[in-house]
C-alpha atoms as a PDB file:
ATOM      1  CA  UNK A   1     -59.580 158.204  25.154  1.00  0.00           C
ATOM      2  CA  UNK A   2     -60.017 154.865  27.176  1.00  0.00           C
ATOM      3  CA  UNK A   3     -62.160 152.322  25.952  1.00  0.00           C
ATOM      4  CA  UNK A   4     -65.725 151.844  28.267  1.00  0.00           C
ATOM      5  CA  UNK A   5     -65.859 148.552  29.661  1.00  0.00           C
ATOM      6  CA  UNK A   6     -69.632 147.299  29.807  1.00  0.00           C
ATOM      7  CA  UNK A   7     -71.414 143.985  31.814  1.00  0.00           C
ATOM      8  CA  UNK A   8     -73.658 141.473  29.709  1.00  0.00           C
ATOM      9  CA  UNK A   9     -75.955 139.219  30.656  1.00  0.00           C
ATOM     10  CA  UNK A  10     -75.156 135.806  28.490  1.00  0.00           C
ATOM     11  CA  UNK A  11     -77.061 132.721  28.851  1.00  0.00           C
ATOM     12  CA  UNK A  12     -74.157 131.701  31.053  1.00  0.00           C
ATOM     13  CA  UNK A  13     -74.480 134.425  33.140  1.00  0.00           C
ATOM     14  CA  UNK A  14     -72.702 138.004  33.070  1.00  0.00           C
ATOM     15  CA  UNK A  15     -69.423 138.999  31.656  1.00  0.00           C
ATOM     16  CA  UNK A  16     -67.759 142.509  31.271  1.00  0.00           C
ATOM     17  CA  UNK A  17     -65.860 143.891  27.793  1.00  0.00           C
ATOM     18  CA  UNK A  18     -65.117 146.565  26.297  1.00  0.00           C
ATOM     19  CA  UNK A  19     -67.126 148.493  24.061  1.00  0.00           C
ATOM     20  CA  UNK A  20     -68.095 148.207  20.917  1.00  0.00           C
ATOM     21  CA  UNK A  21     -68.271 144.472  20.813  1.00  0.00           C
ATOM     22  CA  UNK A  22     -68.930 143.014  16.909  1.00  0.00           C
ATOM     23  CA  UNK A  23     -71.496 140.859  16.373  1.00  0.00           C
ATOM     24  CA  UNK A  24     -69.290 138.072  16.046  1.00  0.00           C
ATOM     25  CA  UNK A  25     -68.676 138.101  19.342  1.00  0.00           C
ATOM     26  CA  UNK A  26     -72.024 138.680  20.420  1.00  0.00           C
ATOM     27  CA  UNK A  27     -73.053 135.807  18.519  1.00  0.00           C
ATOM     28  CA  UNK A  28     -70.075 133.871  20.719  1.00  0.00           C
ATOM     29  CA  UNK A  29     -71.658 135.518  23.777  1.00  0.00           C
ATOM     30  CA  UNK A  30     -74.957 134.911  23.648  1.00  0.00           C
ATOM     31  CA  UNK A  31     -75.886 138.398  25.298  1.00  0.00           C
ATOM     32  CA  UNK A  32     -79.121 138.358  26.095  1.00  0.00           C
ATOM     33  CA  UNK A  33     -81.656 141.213  25.052  1.00  0.00           C
ATOM     34  CA  UNK A  34     -82.032 143.744  28.261  1.00  0.00           C
ATOM     35  CA  UNK A  35     -85.486 143.409  28.675  1.00  0.00           C
ATOM     36  CA  UNK A  36     -85.983 145.160  32.288  1.00  0.00           C
ATOM     37  CA  UNK A  37     -87.016 148.756  30.941  1.00  0.00           C
ATOM     38  CA  UNK A  38     -90.402 147.141  29.480  1.00  0.00           C
ATOM     39  CA  UNK A  39     -92.682 146.922  32.583  1.00  0.00           C
ATOM     40  CA  UNK A  40     -95.507 144.680  30.838  1.00  0.00           C
ATOM     41  CA  UNK A  41     -94.300 141.642  29.852  1.00  0.00           C
ATOM     42  CA  UNK A  42     -95.414 137.927  29.927  1.00  0.00           C
ATOM     43  CA  UNK A  43     -92.099 135.687  29.389  1.00  0.00           C
ATOM     44  CA  UNK A  44     -92.197 132.023  28.042  1.00  0.00           C
ATOM     45  CA  UNK A  45     -95.806 131.665  26.855  1.00  0.00           C
ATOM     46  CA  UNK A  46     -96.654 128.175  24.956  1.00  0.00           C
ATOM     47  CA  UNK A  47     -98.580 129.416  21.847  1.00  0.00           C
ATOM     48  CA  UNK A  48     -98.660 125.357  20.380  1.00  0.00           C
ATOM     49  CA  UNK A  49     -97.697 121.920  21.817  1.00  0.00           C
ATOM     50  CA  UNK A  50     -94.412 121.441  21.762  1.00  0.00           C
ATOM     51  CA  UNK A  51     -92.258 122.657  24.325  1.00  0.00           C
ATOM     52  CA  UNK A  52     -89.979 125.004  21.989  1.00  0.00           C
ATOM     53  CA  UNK A  53     -92.982 127.136  21.317  1.00  0.00           C
ATOM     54  CA  UNK A  54     -93.389 129.404  23.314  1.00  0.00           C
ATOM     55  CA  UNK A  55     -93.096 133.245  23.319  1.00  0.00           C
ATOM     56  CA  UNK A  56     -92.244 136.442  24.917  1.00  0.00           C
ATOM     57  CA  UNK A  57     -94.800 139.472  25.392  1.00  0.00           C
ATOM     58  CA  UNK A  58     -93.888 143.147  25.657  1.00  0.00           C
ATOM     59  CA  UNK A  59     -96.220 145.215  25.841  1.00  0.00           C
ATOM     60  CA  UNK A  60     -95.540 149.309  26.003  1.00  0.00           C
ATOM     61  CA  UNK A  61     -95.590 150.855  29.486  1.00  0.00           C
ATOM     62  CA  UNK A  62     -98.064 153.292  28.896  1.00  0.00           C
ATOM     63  CA  UNK A  63    -102.177 152.830  27.102  1.00  0.00           C
ATOM     64  CA  UNK A  64    -104.123 150.040  27.007  1.00  0.00           C
ATOM     65  CA  UNK A  65    -104.693 149.674  22.657  1.00  0.00           C
ATOM     66  CA  UNK A  66    -104.817 147.709  21.371  1.00  0.00           C
ATOM     67  CA  UNK A  67    -101.051 148.176  19.791  1.00  0.00           C
ATOM     68  CA  UNK A  68     -99.852 146.703  16.576  1.00  0.00           C
ATOM     69  CA  UNK A  69     -98.237 143.782  17.162  1.00  0.00           C
ATOM     70  CA  UNK A  70     -94.694 142.972  15.746  1.00  0.00           C
ATOM     71  CA  UNK A  71     -93.933 139.354  15.902  1.00  0.00           C
ATOM     72  CA  UNK A  72     -90.405 139.083  16.083  1.00  0.00           C
ATOM     73  CA  UNK A  73     -88.120 135.934  14.387  1.00  0.00           C
ATOM     74  CA  UNK A  74     -84.728 135.061  15.194  1.00  0.00           C
ATOM     75  CA  UNK A  75     -82.380 134.279  13.205  1.00  0.00           C
ATOM     76  CA  UNK A  76     -79.730 131.355  13.792  1.00  0.00           C
ATOM     77  CA  UNK A  77     -79.899 129.243  10.441  1.00  0.00           C
ATOM     78  CA  UNK A  78     -82.723 127.528  10.938  1.00  0.00           C
ATOM     79  CA  UNK A  79     -81.328 125.634  13.471  1.00  0.00           C
ATOM     80  CA  UNK A  80     -79.856 128.037  16.547  1.00  0.00           C
ATOM     81  CA  UNK A  81     -80.519 130.613  17.896  1.00  0.00           C
ATOM     82  CA  UNK A  82     -83.803 132.001  20.770  1.00  0.00           C
ATOM     83  CA  UNK A  83     -85.877 134.876  21.134  1.00  0.00           C
ATOM     84  CA  UNK A  84     -83.935 136.331  24.323  1.00  0.00           C
ATOM     85  CA  UNK A  85     -80.330 136.474  22.366  1.00  0.00           C
ATOM     86  CA  UNK A  86     -79.198 139.542  20.760  1.00  0.00           C
ATOM     87  CA  UNK A  87     -80.952 139.792  17.602  1.00  0.00           C
ATOM     88  CA  UNK A  88     -84.914 140.164  18.369  1.00  0.00           C
ATOM     89  CA  UNK A  89     -83.355 143.223  20.322  1.00  0.00           C
ATOM     90  CA  UNK A  90     -83.907 145.363  17.879  1.00  0.00           C
ATOM     91  CA  UNK A  91     -87.897 144.377  17.531  1.00  0.00           C
ATOM     92  CA  UNK A  92     -87.903 144.400  21.561  1.00  0.00           C
ATOM     93  CA  UNK A  93     -87.125 148.217  21.431  1.00  0.00           C
ATOM     94  CA  UNK A  94     -90.317 149.037  19.325  1.00  0.00           C
ATOM     95  CA  UNK A  95     -91.931 149.009  22.133  1.00  0.00           C
ATOM     96  CA  UNK A  96     -91.120 151.994  23.272  1.00  0.00           C
ATOM     97  CA  UNK A  97     -92.339 153.467  19.553  1.00  0.00           C
ATOM     98  CA  UNK A  98     -96.093 152.124  20.981  1.00  0.00           C
ATOM     99  CA  UNK A  99     -95.684 148.340  19.555  1.00  0.00           C
ATOM    100  CA  UNK A 100     -96.955 144.987  21.060  1.00  0.00           C
ATOM    101  CA  UNK A 101     -93.981 142.902  20.415  1.00  0.00           C
ATOM    102  CA  UNK A 102     -93.964 139.001  20.557  1.00  0.00           C
ATOM    103  CA  UNK A 103     -90.617 137.467  20.062  1.00  0.00           C
ATOM    104  CA  UNK A 104     -91.308 133.858  19.262  1.00  0.00           C
ATOM    105  CA  UNK A 105     -89.179 130.576  19.963  1.00  0.00           C
ATOM    106  CA  UNK A 106     -89.436 127.730  17.728  1.00  0.00           C
ATOM    107  CA  UNK A 107     -88.901 124.239  16.439  1.00  0.00           C
ATOM    108  CA  UNK A 108     -85.224 124.331  15.198  1.00  0.00           C
ATOM    109  CA  UNK A 109     -83.731 122.018  12.383  1.00  0.00           C
ATOM    110  CA  UNK A 110     -82.298 119.631  11.780  1.00  0.00           C
ATOM    111  CA  UNK A 111     -83.861 118.217  14.726  1.00  0.00           C
ATOM    112  CA  UNK A 112     -87.327 119.180  13.307  1.00  0.00           C
ATOM    113  CA  UNK A 113     -87.127 119.243   9.654  1.00  0.00           C
ATOM    114  CA  UNK A 114     -88.610 121.947   7.256  1.00  0.00           C
ATOM    115  CA  UNK A 115     -91.751 122.974   7.204  1.00  0.00           C
ATOM    116  CA  UNK A 116     -92.088 122.993  11.067  1.00  0.00           C
ATOM    117  CA  UNK A 117     -90.156 126.663  11.508  1.00  0.00           C
ATOM    118  CA  UNK A 118     -92.927 128.360   8.870  1.00  0.00           C
ATOM    119  CA  UNK A 119     -95.529 126.273  10.480  1.00  0.00           C
ATOM    120  CA  UNK A 120     -94.392 127.600  14.331  1.00  0.00           C
ATOM    121  CA  UNK A 121     -94.602 131.076  13.278  1.00  0.00           C
ATOM    122  CA  UNK A 122     -97.690 130.843  11.459  1.00  0.00           C
ATOM    123  CA  UNK A 123     -99.374 128.969  15.119  1.00  0.00           C
ATOM    124  CA  UNK A 124     -97.847 132.682  16.626  1.00  0.00           C
ATOM    125  CA  UNK A 125     -99.824 134.885  14.587  1.00  0.00           C
ATOM    126  CA  UNK A 126    -103.040 132.825  15.118  1.00  0.00           C
ATOM    127  CA  UNK A 127    -102.048 132.971  18.660  1.00  0.00           C
ATOM    128  CA  UNK A 128    -101.527 136.672  18.443  1.00  0.00           C
ATOM    129  CA  UNK A 129    -105.147 136.641  16.825  1.00  0.00           C
ATOM    130  CA  UNK A 130    -107.127 134.539  19.393  1.00  0.00           C
ATOM    131  CA  UNK A 131    -105.332 136.441  22.185  1.00  0.00           C
ATOM    132  CA  UNK A 132    -106.102 139.932  21.061  1.00  0.00           C
ATOM    133  CA  UNK A 133    -108.685 140.404  24.068  1.00  0.00           C
ATOM    134  CA  UNK A 134    -106.689 139.267  26.580  1.00  0.00           C
ATOM    135  CA  UNK A 135    -103.029 141.320  25.332  1.00  0.00           C
ATOM    136  CA  UNK A 136    -104.412 144.175  24.004  1.00  0.00           C
ATOM    137  CA  UNK A 137    -103.225 143.459  20.720  1.00  0.00           C
ATOM    138  CA  UNK A 138    -104.898 144.683  17.373  1.00  0.00           C
ATOM    139  CA  UNK A 139    -105.954 141.853  15.371  1.00  0.00           C
ATOM    140  CA  UNK A 140    -105.819 143.642  11.838  1.00  0.00           C
ATOM    141  CA  UNK A 141    -102.152 145.369  12.416  1.00  0.00           C
ATOM    142  CA  UNK A 142     -99.875 142.725  12.374  1.00  0.00           C
ATOM    143  CA  UNK A 143     -95.988 142.698  11.383  1.00  0.00           C
ATOM    144  CA  UNK A 144     -93.574 139.674  10.872  1.00  0.00           C
ATOM    145  CA  UNK A 145     -90.261 140.773  11.088  1.00  0.00           C
ATOM    146  CA  UNK A 146     -86.518 138.809  11.385  1.00  0.00           C
ATOM    147  CA  UNK A 147     -83.160 138.681  10.678  1.00  0.00           C
ATOM    148  CA  UNK A 148     -81.322 136.656   8.553  1.00  0.00           C
ATOM    149  CA  UNK A 149     -83.257 133.028   8.561  1.00  0.00           C
ATOM    150  CA  UNK A 150     -85.814 134.604  10.785  1.00  0.00           C
ATOM    151  CA  UNK A 151     -86.211 137.002   7.819  1.00  0.00           C
ATOM    152  CA  UNK A 152     -86.243 134.299   5.801  1.00  0.00           C
ATOM    153  CA  UNK A 153     -89.420 133.029   8.279  1.00  0.00           C
ATOM    154  CA  UNK A 154     -90.588 136.588   8.483  1.00  0.00           C
ATOM    155  CA  UNK A 155     -90.303 137.457   4.623  1.00  0.00           C
ATOM    156  CA  UNK A 156     -91.877 133.655   3.801  1.00  0.00           C
ATOM    157  CA  UNK A 157     -94.963 134.030   6.457  1.00  0.00           C
ATOM    158  CA  UNK A 158     -95.516 137.383   4.529  1.00  0.00           C
ATOM    159  CA  UNK A 159     -95.827 135.461   0.589  1.00  0.00           C
ATOM    160  CA  UNK A 160     -97.159 132.191   1.949  1.00  0.00           C
ATOM    161  CA  UNK A 161     -99.946 132.857   4.006  1.00  0.00           C
ATOM    162  CA  UNK A 162    -102.391 130.394   1.737  1.00  0.00           C
ATOM    163  CA  UNK A 163     -99.713 128.021   0.933  1.00  0.00           C
ATOM    164  CA  UNK A 164    -101.436 124.899   3.242  1.00  0.00           C
ATOM    165  CA  UNK A 165     -98.239 122.719   3.257  1.00  0.00           C
ATOM    166  CA  UNK A 166     -96.532 125.542   5.630  1.00  0.00           C
ATOM    167  CA  UNK A 167     -99.588 125.760   7.955  1.00  0.00           C
ATOM    168  CA  UNK A 168    -100.466 123.029  11.027  1.00  0.00           C
ATOM    169  CA  UNK A 169    -103.394 123.655  12.503  1.00  0.00           C
ATOM    170  CA  UNK A 170    -103.407 121.216  15.058  1.00  0.00           C
ATOM    171  CA  UNK A 171    -100.465 123.677  16.516  1.00  0.00           C
ATOM    172  CA  UNK A 172    -103.658 125.211  17.816  1.00  0.00           C
ATOM    173  CA  UNK A 173    -106.083 128.184  17.026  1.00  0.00           C
ATOM    174  CA  UNK A 174    -107.163 126.321  13.987  1.00  0.00           C
ATOM    175  CA  UNK A 175    -110.247 129.082  12.447  1.00  0.00           C
ATOM    176  CA  UNK A 176    -107.876 132.089  12.950  1.00  0.00           C
ATOM    177  CA  UNK A 177    -106.156 133.933  10.156  1.00  0.00           C
ATOM    178  CA  UNK A 178    -102.543 133.577   9.043  1.00  0.00           C
ATOM    179  CA  UNK A 179    -102.328 136.806   7.181  1.00  0.00           C
ATOM    180  CA  UNK A 180     -99.855 140.057   8.185  1.00  0.00           C
ATOM    181  CA  UNK A 181    -100.184 143.599   7.624  1.00  0.00           C
ATOM    182  CA  UNK A 182     -96.388 144.030   6.916  1.00  0.00           C
ATOM    183  CA  UNK A 183     -93.107 142.238   6.485  1.00  0.00           C
ATOM    184  CA  UNK A 184     -89.471 143.676   7.812  1.00  0.00           C
ATOM    185  CA  UNK A 185     -86.553 141.393   6.523  1.00  0.00           C
ATOM    186  CA  UNK A 186     -83.322 141.994   8.027  1.00  0.00           C
ATOM    187  CA  UNK A 187     -80.704 140.409   5.435  1.00  0.00           C
ATOM    188  CA  UNK A 188     -83.061 137.303   4.253  1.00  0.00           C
ATOM    189  CA  UNK A 189     -81.656 134.381   2.098  1.00  0.00           C
ATOM    190  CA  UNK A 190     -84.056 134.110  -0.340  1.00  0.00           C
ATOM    191  CA  UNK A 191     -82.735 131.614  -2.784  1.00  0.00           C
ATOM    192  CA  UNK A 192     -80.545 129.364  -0.691  1.00  0.00           C
ATOM    193  CA  UNK A 193     -79.221 128.066  -4.199  1.00  0.00           C
ATOM    194  CA  UNK A 194     -78.086 130.767  -5.496  1.00  0.00           C
ATOM    195  CA  UNK A 195     -75.825 132.100  -3.017  1.00  0.00           C
ATOM    196  CA  UNK A 196     -72.178 131.450  -4.256  1.00  0.00           C
ATOM    197  CA  UNK A 197     -72.946 132.600  -7.975  1.00  0.00           C
ATOM    198  CA  UNK A 198     -74.306 136.184  -6.473  1.00  0.00           C
ATOM    199  CA  UNK A 199     -70.553 136.795  -4.476  1.00  0.00           C
ATOM    200  CA  UNK A 200     -68.826 135.362  -7.345  1.00  0.00           C
ATOM    201  CA  UNK A 201     -70.996 138.714  -9.069  1.00  0.00           C
ATOM    202  CA  UNK A 202     -70.141 140.771  -6.579  1.00  0.00           C
ATOM    203  CA  UNK A 203     -66.519 139.546  -6.687  1.00  0.00           C
ATOM    204  CA  UNK A 204     -66.207 137.942  -3.272  1.00  0.00           C
ATOM    205  CA  UNK A 205     -65.499 134.537  -5.144  1.00  0.00           C
ATOM    206  CA  UNK A 206     -64.058 134.498  -8.200  1.00  0.00           C
ATOM    207  CA  UNK A 207     -64.907 131.486  -9.004  1.00  0.00           C
ATOM    208  CA  UNK A 208     -68.153 130.278  -7.388  1.00  0.00           C
ATOM    209  CA  UNK A 209     -66.297 127.105  -6.734  1.00  0.00           C
ATOM    210  CA  UNK A 210     -64.696 128.919  -4.281  1.00  0.00           C
ATOM    211  CA  UNK A 211     -68.125 128.691  -1.925  1.00  0.00           C
ATOM    212  CA  UNK A 212     -68.045 126.035   0.853  1.00  0.00           C
ATOM    213  CA  UNK A 213     -70.081 123.082  -0.018  1.00  0.00           C
ATOM    214  CA  UNK A 214     -73.877 122.687   0.885  1.00  0.00           C
ATOM    215  CA  UNK A 215     -73.336 121.819   4.596  1.00  0.00           C
ATOM    216  CA  UNK A 216     -74.996 118.373   5.872  1.00  0.00           C
ATOM    217  CA  UNK A 217     -77.439 120.071   8.417  1.00  0.00           C
ATOM    218  CA  UNK A 218     -78.821 122.205   5.752  1.00  0.00           C
ATOM    219  CA  UNK A 219     -79.299 119.289   3.948  1.00  0.00           C
ATOM    220  CA  UNK A 220     -81.072 117.458   6.599  1.00  0.00           C
ATOM    221  CA  UNK A 221     -83.210 120.854   6.827  1.00  0.00           C
ATOM    222  CA  UNK A 222     -84.580 120.230   3.843  1.00  0.00           C
ATOM    223  CA  UNK A 223     -84.173 116.296   3.296  1.00  0.00           C
ATOM    224  CA  UNK A 224     -82.511 115.998   0.731  1.00  0.00           C
ATOM    225  CA  UNK A 225     -79.596 115.167  -1.083  1.00  0.00           C
ATOM    226  CA  UNK A 226     -76.965 117.932  -2.268  1.00  0.00           C
ATOM    227  CA  UNK A 227     -77.728 117.384  -5.746  1.00  0.00           C
ATOM    228  CA  UNK A 228     -81.594 118.061  -5.008  1.00  0.00           C
ATOM    229  CA  UNK A 229     -81.075 121.269  -3.393  1.00  0.00           C
ATOM    230  CA  UNK A 230     -81.839 123.560  -6.084  1.00  0.00           C
ATOM    231  CA  UNK A 231     -85.005 121.794  -6.309  1.00  0.00           C
ATOM    232  CA  UNK A 232     -86.002 121.990  -2.685  1.00  0.00           C
ATOM    233  CA  UNK A 233     -85.007 126.020  -3.222  1.00  0.00           C
ATOM    234  CA  UNK A 234     -87.479 126.861  -5.014  1.00  0.00           C
ATOM    235  CA  UNK A 235     -89.762 125.609  -2.424  1.00  0.00           C
ATOM    236  CA  UNK A 236     -87.831 127.412   0.175  1.00  0.00           C
ATOM    237  CA  UNK A 237     -87.823 130.803  -1.521  1.00  0.00           C
ATOM    238  CA  UNK A 238     -90.642 133.604  -0.517  1.00  0.00           C
ATOM    239  CA  UNK A 239     -90.333 134.825  -3.757  1.00  0.00           C
ATOM    240  CA  UNK A 240     -91.669 131.698  -5.182  1.00  0.00           C
ATOM    241  CA  UNK A 241     -95.337 132.188  -3.611  1.00  0.00           C
ATOM    242  CA  UNK A 242     -95.390 136.013  -4.319  1.00  0.00           C
ATOM    243  CA  UNK A 243     -99.327 137.065  -5.541  1.00  0.00           C
ATOM    244  CA  UNK A 244    -100.771 139.993  -5.804  1.00  0.00           C
ATOM    245  CA  UNK A 245    -102.584 139.771  -2.024  1.00  0.00           C
ATOM    246  CA  UNK A 246     -98.563 140.153  -0.434  1.00  0.00           C
ATOM    247  CA  UNK A 247     -98.535 143.139   2.438  1.00  0.00           C
ATOM    248  CA  UNK A 248     -96.333 145.999   2.019  1.00  0.00           C
ATOM    249  CA  UNK A 249     -92.291 145.102   2.670  1.00  0.00           C
ATOM    250  CA  UNK A 250     -89.251 146.776   4.262  1.00  0.00           C
ATOM    251  CA  UNK A 251     -86.555 145.232   3.401  1.00  0.00           C
ATOM    252  CA  UNK A 252     -82.801 145.605   4.781  1.00  0.00           C
ATOM    253  CA  UNK A 253     -79.518 145.001   3.827  1.00  0.00           C
ATOM    254  CA  UNK A 254     -75.695 145.670   4.453  1.00  0.00           C
ATOM    255  CA  UNK A 255     -73.756 145.381   1.157  1.00  0.00           C
ATOM    256  CA  UNK A 256     -70.606 144.413   2.456  1.00  0.00           C
ATOM    257  CA  UNK A 257     -72.928 141.241   3.871  1.00  0.00           C
ATOM    258  CA  UNK A 258     -70.198 137.689   3.919  1.00  0.00           C
ATOM    259  CA  UNK A 259     -72.977 135.077   4.707  1.00  0.00           C
ATOM    260  CA  UNK A 260     -75.771 136.981   2.190  1.00  0.00           C
ATOM    261  CA  UNK A 261     -74.921 138.444  -0.594  1.00  0.00           C
ATOM    262  CA  UNK A 262     -77.334 141.200  -0.584  1.00  0.00           C
ATOM    263  CA  UNK A 263     -78.389 141.193  -4.200  1.00  0.00           C
ATOM    264  CA  UNK A 264     -80.717 138.496  -2.526  1.00  0.00           C
ATOM    265  CA  UNK A 265     -82.016 141.225  -1.386  1.00  0.00           C
ATOM    266  CA  UNK A 266     -82.201 143.442  -4.701  1.00  0.00           C
ATOM    267  CA  UNK A 267     -83.767 140.847  -6.479  1.00  0.00           C
ATOM    268  CA  UNK A 268     -86.463 139.885  -3.942  1.00  0.00           C
ATOM    269  CA  UNK A 269     -87.715 143.538  -3.745  1.00  0.00           C
ATOM    270  CA  UNK A 270     -87.379 143.610  -7.521  1.00  0.00           C
ATOM    271  CA  UNK A 271     -89.461 140.299  -7.659  1.00  0.00           C
ATOM    272  CA  UNK A 272     -91.830 141.650  -5.127  1.00  0.00           C
ATOM    273  CA  UNK A 273     -92.195 145.497  -6.852  1.00  0.00           C
ATOM    274  CA  UNK A 274     -93.378 143.176 -10.537  1.00  0.00           C
ATOM    275  CA  UNK A 275     -96.533 141.761  -8.476  1.00  0.00           C
ATOM    276  CA  UNK A 276     -97.400 144.656  -5.765  1.00  0.00           C
ATOM    277  CA  UNK A 277     -96.080 147.730  -6.562  1.00  0.00           C
ATOM    278  CA  UNK A 278     -93.318 149.799  -6.056  1.00  0.00           C
ATOM    279  CA  UNK A 279     -95.164 151.864  -3.697  1.00  0.00           C
ATOM    280  CA  UNK A 280     -95.355 148.787  -1.735  1.00  0.00           C
ATOM    281  CA  UNK A 281     -91.950 147.563  -1.037  1.00  0.00           C
ATOM    282  CA  UNK A 282     -88.825 149.226   0.198  1.00  0.00           C
ATOM    283  CA  UNK A 283     -85.254 148.346  -0.022  1.00  0.00           C
ATOM    284  CA  UNK A 284     -82.254 150.096   2.200  1.00  0.00           C
ATOM    285  CA  UNK A 285     -78.950 148.635   1.179  1.00  0.00           C
ATOM    286  CA  UNK A 286     -76.815 149.299   4.218  1.00  0.00           C
ATOM    287  CA  UNK A 287     -73.559 150.658   3.205  1.00  0.00           C
ATOM    288  CA  UNK A 288     -70.572 149.024   4.323  1.00  0.00           C
ATOM    289  CA  UNK A 289     -72.370 147.254   7.070  1.00  0.00           C
ATOM    290  CA  UNK A 290     -72.688 143.119   7.514  1.00  0.00           C
ATOM    291  CA  UNK A 291     -74.179 140.417   8.399  1.00  0.00           C
ATOM    292  CA  UNK A 292     -76.244 141.770  11.645  1.00  0.00           C
ATOM    293  CA  UNK A 293     -74.293 144.974  12.060  1.00  0.00           C
ATOM    294  CA  UNK A 294     -75.470 146.837  15.201  1.00  0.00           C
ATOM    295  CA  UNK A 295     -76.924 149.893  13.069  1.00  0.00           C
ATOM    296  CA  UNK A 296     -79.942 147.619  12.446  1.00  0.00           C
ATOM    297  CA  UNK A 297     -80.743 147.605  15.894  1.00  0.00           C
ATOM    298  CA  UNK A 298     -79.843 151.147  16.785  1.00  0.00           C
ATOM    299  CA  UNK A 299     -82.273 153.756  17.759  1.00  0.00           C
ATOM    300  CA  UNK A 300     -82.531 155.916  14.722  1.00  0.00           C
ATOM    301  CA  UNK A 301     -83.540 152.594  12.800  1.00  0.00           C
ATOM    302  CA  UNK A 302     -85.511 151.330  14.696  1.00  0.00           C
ATOM    303  CA  UNK A 303     -87.618 154.459  14.799  1.00  0.00           C
ATOM    304  CA  UNK A 304     -87.166 154.526  10.914  1.00  0.00           C
ATOM    305  CA  UNK A 305     -88.839 150.860  10.931  1.00  0.00           C
ATOM    306  CA  UNK A 306     -91.621 151.825  13.465  1.00  0.00           C
ATOM    307  CA  UNK A 307     -92.649 155.036  11.307  1.00  0.00           C
ATOM    308  CA  UNK A 308     -92.761 152.933   8.174  1.00  0.00           C
ATOM    309  CA  UNK A 309     -95.164 150.634   9.981  1.00  0.00           C
ATOM    310  CA  UNK A 310     -97.408 153.120  10.725  1.00  0.00           C
ATOM    311  CA  UNK A 311     -98.049 154.831   7.182  1.00  0.00           C
ATOM    312  CA  UNK A 312     -99.030 151.119   6.072  1.00  0.00           C
ATOM    313  CA  UNK A 313    -101.042 150.040   8.877  1.00  0.00           C
END
């Protein structure tokens, strides 16, 4: 049976390719989300004073709200990506299940070092609350959802809601709360200094020394030398800030992920469960799937996630 062709809209114009296409090819093409089916949307809305601080707001086609809100955070190693690329597509599909979705851009490294990224995420959360009446948001039902670096930021927003150094209230709406009521973490890196050792445990490397060296870009993001990474990694980790006040978490991670070892999600699940209780943490290990598999944004998985959100809100 011949393979089907499909035309995809990318940042450089339309591209026709055979289906199914790999995640790596999607990343290369920088395929943009199909948002044409969403009738009510507000694009490139500023939520802060910097040009990068913009969001696309998608509302369900039916109903007046208030709608529960998903703050969708793209990946890209904290230094790349965009709110319209393929990765936020899974979250944007949640509009069909009665959710408002806010897909955000944020300042990228290394030009803007950490903690600029998490400060922007929190500014976006404050914007959502401040503008709940205008857009029909439910300010008491906000979730963060992200993949890869976006998963890290979604998790950090969930555990570090009251950490002053991750907050810059001069970015806008300073009187609003930054707390969220749920987190969806897709394959987020939790302990960046553990990656090589975790892959060694999984027999991806026979020796952790086989791992690529810490990149200069990453050191610039954290403003440190390679030798200082272990210390900076502690402050960068969402696990460092876990308290009994953390919201429920849904974590999904492929067991064949070649970029972020799934052991990080296994151990993050345990760390959260030990403090907030097993009933508030759900871990889905997606057998045989990699980093950003199309399985994550499938209809069945988006329904699974939105059903979970409805159960915890």
